[in-house]
Amino acid sequence: MVKATINHFGQIDILVNNAGIISRKFVLDIDVDDWSNILNTNVVAAHMCTKAVGQHMMERKSGNIINMASICASIVVPDRGAYAVSKAGLVQLTKHLAVELASHGIRCNAVCPSSIETDLHRQMIAKGAKYDFIDWTPMKRFGKPEEIGGAVVYLASDASSYVTGTTIYIDGGLTAV
């Protein structure tokens, strides 16, 4: 993937690690296969992509890595334990990468959204999924994809050239209460 991208575009300036899966199960009910699958998809894959792209960025002395985590990295939402652990791990990975890569001209930050209105999200609601924590959210609504996109554009731009190791929460105020 990295070689094909470099061959086509000449370089990689920005990496956004955006993969994520969830299992809505009580922590003690999650079997080892689900646990491993969630951690592998949400943390290990981000590490592997970062490792592959990071080498290229280090050679160029420039780059920007943005990890898509979740508010679950810092708050408890019932039945999302494995997901929360994986996203907290991704936030911690972000901080380590920021410190270790800064001297190479590479920045690394995380974005932690709350529930975002997407087609998948609407399908889950139609199937009966409950999002009770919206009642706890000061703005009393779901976020929109463009509200996440704005933060990613900021982090990817020169406007944030002195920002690294930061986690931005986009959650309608949920983590403030």
Foldseek 3Di string as FASTA:
>chain_A
DQVVCCVVPVAAAEAELDWADFFQAAPVPDDPVNLVVRLCGLPVVLVVVCVVRVVRLLVVLHHEYEYEAAPLCPDDDHRGVSSNVNSVNNLVVQLVCQVVCVRSHYAGEYEHEYAEDDPVVVVCVVVPDDDVLLVLQPQSDHHYPVLSVVVVVCRSDCVCSVDHSYYHYHYNCNVVD
